[in-house]
């Protein structure tokens, strides 16, 4: 059995003829899909002797540093942006505190897990 279906794509409408292979399958409603379980919250970065390290979440280049040494930051505040594959990826502070050191500068290439700065 053939059926004509109207499809809109990028503002244009197309009438497409499709072959229905099993009419019982097409008449059955789609089964509801359970929502995936939320991902567990990321554990805060471990505190080190000089404070908490803020690490790069992926390899890329430092596009923007949004804080300076001595700045006070809140937990989950955006402190840097890493560019990878032409996408800007935010880096957030794992804890509240004061930026005690910054180990990179803008345009530096970083690896996954590399320390960007320390918050104490």
C-alpha atoms as a PDB file:
ATOM      1  CA  UNK A   1       0.000   0.000   0.000  1.00  0.00           C
ATOM      2  CA  UNK A   2       1.314   3.465  -0.875  1.00  0.00           C
ATOM      3  CA  UNK A   3       0.554   6.624   1.022  1.00  0.00           C
ATOM      4  CA  UNK A   4       1.239  10.285   0.245  1.00  0.00           C
ATOM      5  CA  UNK A   5       2.761  12.342   3.052  1.00  0.00           C
ATOM      6  CA  UNK A   6       3.267  16.126   3.074  1.00  0.00           C
ATOM      7  CA  UNK A   7       6.642  17.228   4.500  1.00  0.00           C
ATOM      8  CA  UNK A   8       7.876  20.777   5.166  1.00  0.00           C
ATOM      9  CA  UNK A   9      11.611  21.401   5.087  1.00  0.00           C
ATOM     10  CA  UNK A  10      13.343  24.791   5.262  1.00  0.00           C
ATOM     11  CA  UNK A  11      10.138  26.610   4.374  1.00  0.00           C
ATOM     12  CA  UNK A  12       9.292  24.424   1.363  1.00  0.00           C
ATOM     13  CA  UNK A  13       6.500  21.857   1.275  1.00  0.00           C
ATOM     14  CA  UNK A  14       6.913  18.519  -0.474  1.00  0.00           C
ATOM     15  CA  UNK A  15       4.379  15.763  -1.178  1.00  0.00           C
ATOM     16  CA  UNK A  16       6.201  12.458  -0.840  1.00  0.00           C
ATOM     17  CA  UNK A  17       4.843   9.037  -1.712  1.00  0.00           C
ATOM     18  CA  UNK A  18       5.890   6.288   0.697  1.00  0.00           C
ATOM     19  CA  UNK A  19       5.191   2.582   0.776  1.00  0.00           C
ATOM     20  CA  UNK A  20       3.556   1.288   3.953  1.00  0.00           C
ATOM     21  CA  UNK A  21       5.079  -2.118   4.655  1.00  0.00           C
ATOM     22  CA  UNK A  22       2.914  -3.188   7.594  1.00  0.00           C
ATOM     23  CA  UNK A  23      -0.336  -1.367   8.253  1.00  0.00           C
ATOM     24  CA  UNK A  24      -0.553  -2.781  11.808  1.00  0.00           C
ATOM     25  CA  UNK A  25       2.722  -1.070  12.723  1.00  0.00           C
ATOM     26  CA  UNK A  26       1.683   2.307  11.340  1.00  0.00           C
ATOM     27  CA  UNK A  27      -1.668   2.208  13.176  1.00  0.00           C
ATOM     28  CA  UNK A  28      -0.118   1.529  16.573  1.00  0.00           C
ATOM     29  CA  UNK A  29       0.653   4.620  18.644  1.00  0.00           C
ATOM     30  CA  UNK A  30       4.252   5.162  19.576  1.00  0.00           C
ATOM     31  CA  UNK A  31       5.162   3.771  22.957  1.00  0.00           C
ATOM     32  CA  UNK A  32       5.968   6.459  25.505  1.00  0.00           C
ATOM     33  CA  UNK A  33       9.648   6.786  26.250  1.00  0.00           C
ATOM     34  CA  UNK A  34      10.713   7.263  29.846  1.00  0.00           C
ATOM     35  CA  UNK A  35      12.800  10.356  30.464  1.00  0.00           C
ATOM     36  CA  UNK A  36      16.451   9.525  31.078  1.00  0.00           C
ATOM     37  CA  UNK A  37      17.621   9.765  34.653  1.00  0.00           C
ATOM     38  CA  UNK A  38      19.373  13.047  35.406  1.00  0.00           C
ATOM     39  CA  UNK A  39      23.137  12.874  35.423  1.00  0.00           C
ATOM     40  CA  UNK A  40      24.668  12.905  38.880  1.00  0.00           C
ATOM     41  CA  UNK A  41      26.031  16.254  39.971  1.00  0.00           C
ATOM     42  CA  UNK A  42      29.742  16.659  39.397  1.00  0.00           C
ATOM     43  CA  UNK A  43      31.780  16.234  42.535  1.00  0.00           C
ATOM     44  CA  UNK A  44      33.564  19.385  43.636  1.00  0.00           C
ATOM     45  CA  UNK A  45      37.218  19.541  42.714  1.00  0.00           C
ATOM     46  CA  UNK A  46      39.459  18.180  45.457  1.00  0.00           C
ATOM     47  CA  UNK A  47      41.136  20.775  47.622  1.00  0.00           C
ATOM     48  CA  UNK A  48      44.906  20.829  47.360  1.00  0.00           C
ATOM     49  CA  UNK A  49      47.472  22.376  49.677  1.00  0.00           C
ATOM     50  CA  UNK A  50      47.266  25.753  47.921  1.00  0.00           C
ATOM     51  CA  UNK A  51      43.496  25.609  47.285  1.00  0.00           C
ATOM     52  CA  UNK A  52      41.106  24.002  44.817  1.00  0.00           C
ATOM     53  CA  UNK A  53      42.326  23.432  41.282  1.00  0.00           C
ATOM     54  CA  UNK A  54      40.135  24.520  38.382  1.00  0.00           C
ATOM     55  CA  UNK A  55      40.866  22.108  35.523  1.00  0.00           C
ATOM     56  CA  UNK A  56      40.089  22.281  31.823  1.00  0.00           C
ATOM     57  CA  UNK A  57      37.098  20.042  31.004  1.00  0.00           C
ATOM     58  CA  UNK A  58      38.491  19.316  27.517  1.00  0.00           C
ATOM     59  CA  UNK A  59      41.434  19.912  25.224  1.00  0.00           C
ATOM     60  CA  UNK A  60      41.363  23.174  23.288  1.00  0.00           C
ATOM     61  CA  UNK A  61      42.625  26.721  23.546  1.00  0.00           C
ATOM     62  CA  UNK A  62      41.978  29.319  26.224  1.00  0.00           C
ATOM     63  CA  UNK A  63      39.594  31.715  24.496  1.00  0.00           C
ATOM     64  CA  UNK A  64      38.887  34.015  27.458  1.00  0.00           C
ATOM     65  CA  UNK A  65      39.884  34.320  31.099  1.00  0.00           C
ATOM     66  CA  UNK A  66      37.031  36.000  32.972  1.00  0.00           C
ATOM     67  CA  UNK A  67      38.830  36.494  36.290  1.00  0.00           C
ATOM     68  CA  UNK A  68      42.167  37.773  37.556  1.00  0.00           C
ATOM     69  CA  UNK A  69      44.370  36.766  40.477  1.00  0.00           C
ATOM     70  CA  UNK A  70      42.843  38.208  43.645  1.00  0.00           C
ATOM     71  CA  UNK A  71      39.232  38.156  42.359  1.00  0.00           C
ATOM     72  CA  UNK A  72      36.579  36.624  44.607  1.00  0.00           C
ATOM     73  CA  UNK A  73      34.409  34.062  42.828  1.00  0.00           C
ATOM     74  CA  UNK A  74      31.196  32.225  43.676  1.00  0.00           C
ATOM     75  CA  UNK A  75      30.683  28.501  43.215  1.00  0.00           C
ATOM     76  CA  UNK A  76      29.585  27.743  39.617  1.00  0.00           C
ATOM     77  CA  UNK A  77      30.654  31.198  38.404  1.00  0.00           C
ATOM     78  CA  UNK A  78      32.086  31.163  34.878  1.00  0.00           C
ATOM     79  CA  UNK A  79      35.825  31.810  35.180  1.00  0.00           C
ATOM     80  CA  UNK A  80      37.123  30.936  31.705  1.00  0.00           C
ATOM     81  CA  UNK A  81      36.098  29.864  28.221  1.00  0.00           C
ATOM     82  CA  UNK A  82      37.846  27.055  26.316  1.00  0.00           C
ATOM     83  CA  UNK A  83      37.445  26.935  22.538  1.00  0.00           C
ATOM     84  CA  UNK A  84      37.404  23.496  20.935  1.00  0.00           C
ATOM     85  CA  UNK A  85      36.193  22.703  17.421  1.00  0.00           C
ATOM     86  CA  UNK A  86      34.978  26.307  16.994  1.00  0.00           C
ATOM     87  CA  UNK A  87      32.701  25.956  20.043  1.00  0.00           C
ATOM     88  CA  UNK A  88      33.065  28.028  23.193  1.00  0.00           C
ATOM     89  CA  UNK A  89      32.878  25.879  26.338  1.00  0.00           C
ATOM     90  CA  UNK A  90      32.467  27.575  29.729  1.00  0.00           C
ATOM     91  CA  UNK A  91      34.630  26.620  32.696  1.00  0.00           C
ATOM     92  CA  UNK A  92      33.020  27.239  36.079  1.00  0.00           C
ATOM     93  CA  UNK A  93      34.483  27.573  39.555  1.00  0.00           C
ATOM     94  CA  UNK A  94      34.023  24.340  41.529  1.00  0.00           C
ATOM     95  CA  UNK A  95      33.825  26.312  44.783  1.00  0.00           C
ATOM     96  CA  UNK A  96      33.608  29.824  46.161  1.00  0.00           C
ATOM     97  CA  UNK A  97      36.798  31.605  47.135  1.00  0.00           C
ATOM     98  CA  UNK A  98      39.586  33.841  45.940  1.00  0.00           C
ATOM     99  CA  UNK A  99      41.618  33.216  42.775  1.00  0.00           C
ATOM    100  CA  UNK A 100      45.165  32.674  44.066  1.00  0.00           C
ATOM    101  CA  UNK A 101      46.902  31.739  40.806  1.00  0.00           C
ATOM    102  CA  UNK A 102      46.267  31.464  37.087  1.00  0.00           C
ATOM    103  CA  UNK A 103      48.443  28.954  35.244  1.00  0.00           C
ATOM    104  CA  UNK A 104      47.488  29.839  31.646  1.00  0.00           C
ATOM    105  CA  UNK A 105      46.974  32.872  29.462  1.00  0.00           C
ATOM    106  CA  UNK A 106      44.516  33.551  26.654  1.00  0.00           C
ATOM    107  CA  UNK A 107      45.365  31.687  23.413  1.00  0.00           C
ATOM    108  CA  UNK A 108      47.310  28.955  25.292  1.00  0.00           C
ATOM    109  CA  UNK A 109      46.596  25.394  24.179  1.00  0.00           C
ATOM    110  CA  UNK A 110      45.428  23.181  27.051  1.00  0.00           C
ATOM    111  CA  UNK A 111      44.831  19.467  27.530  1.00  0.00           C
ATOM    112  CA  UNK A 112      41.891  17.726  29.166  1.00  0.00           C
ATOM    113  CA  UNK A 113      42.336  17.993  32.945  1.00  0.00           C
ATOM    114  CA  UNK A 114      45.099  20.619  32.812  1.00  0.00           C
ATOM    115  CA  UNK A 115      45.056  23.029  35.767  1.00  0.00           C
ATOM    116  CA  UNK A 116      43.904  26.472  34.651  1.00  0.00           C
ATOM    117  CA  UNK A 117      43.829  28.240  38.014  1.00  0.00           C
ATOM    118  CA  UNK A 118      43.622  27.738  41.774  1.00  0.00           C
ATOM    119  CA  UNK A 119      40.915  29.036  44.123  1.00  0.00           C
ATOM    120  CA  UNK A 120      41.470  29.199  47.882  1.00  0.00           C
END
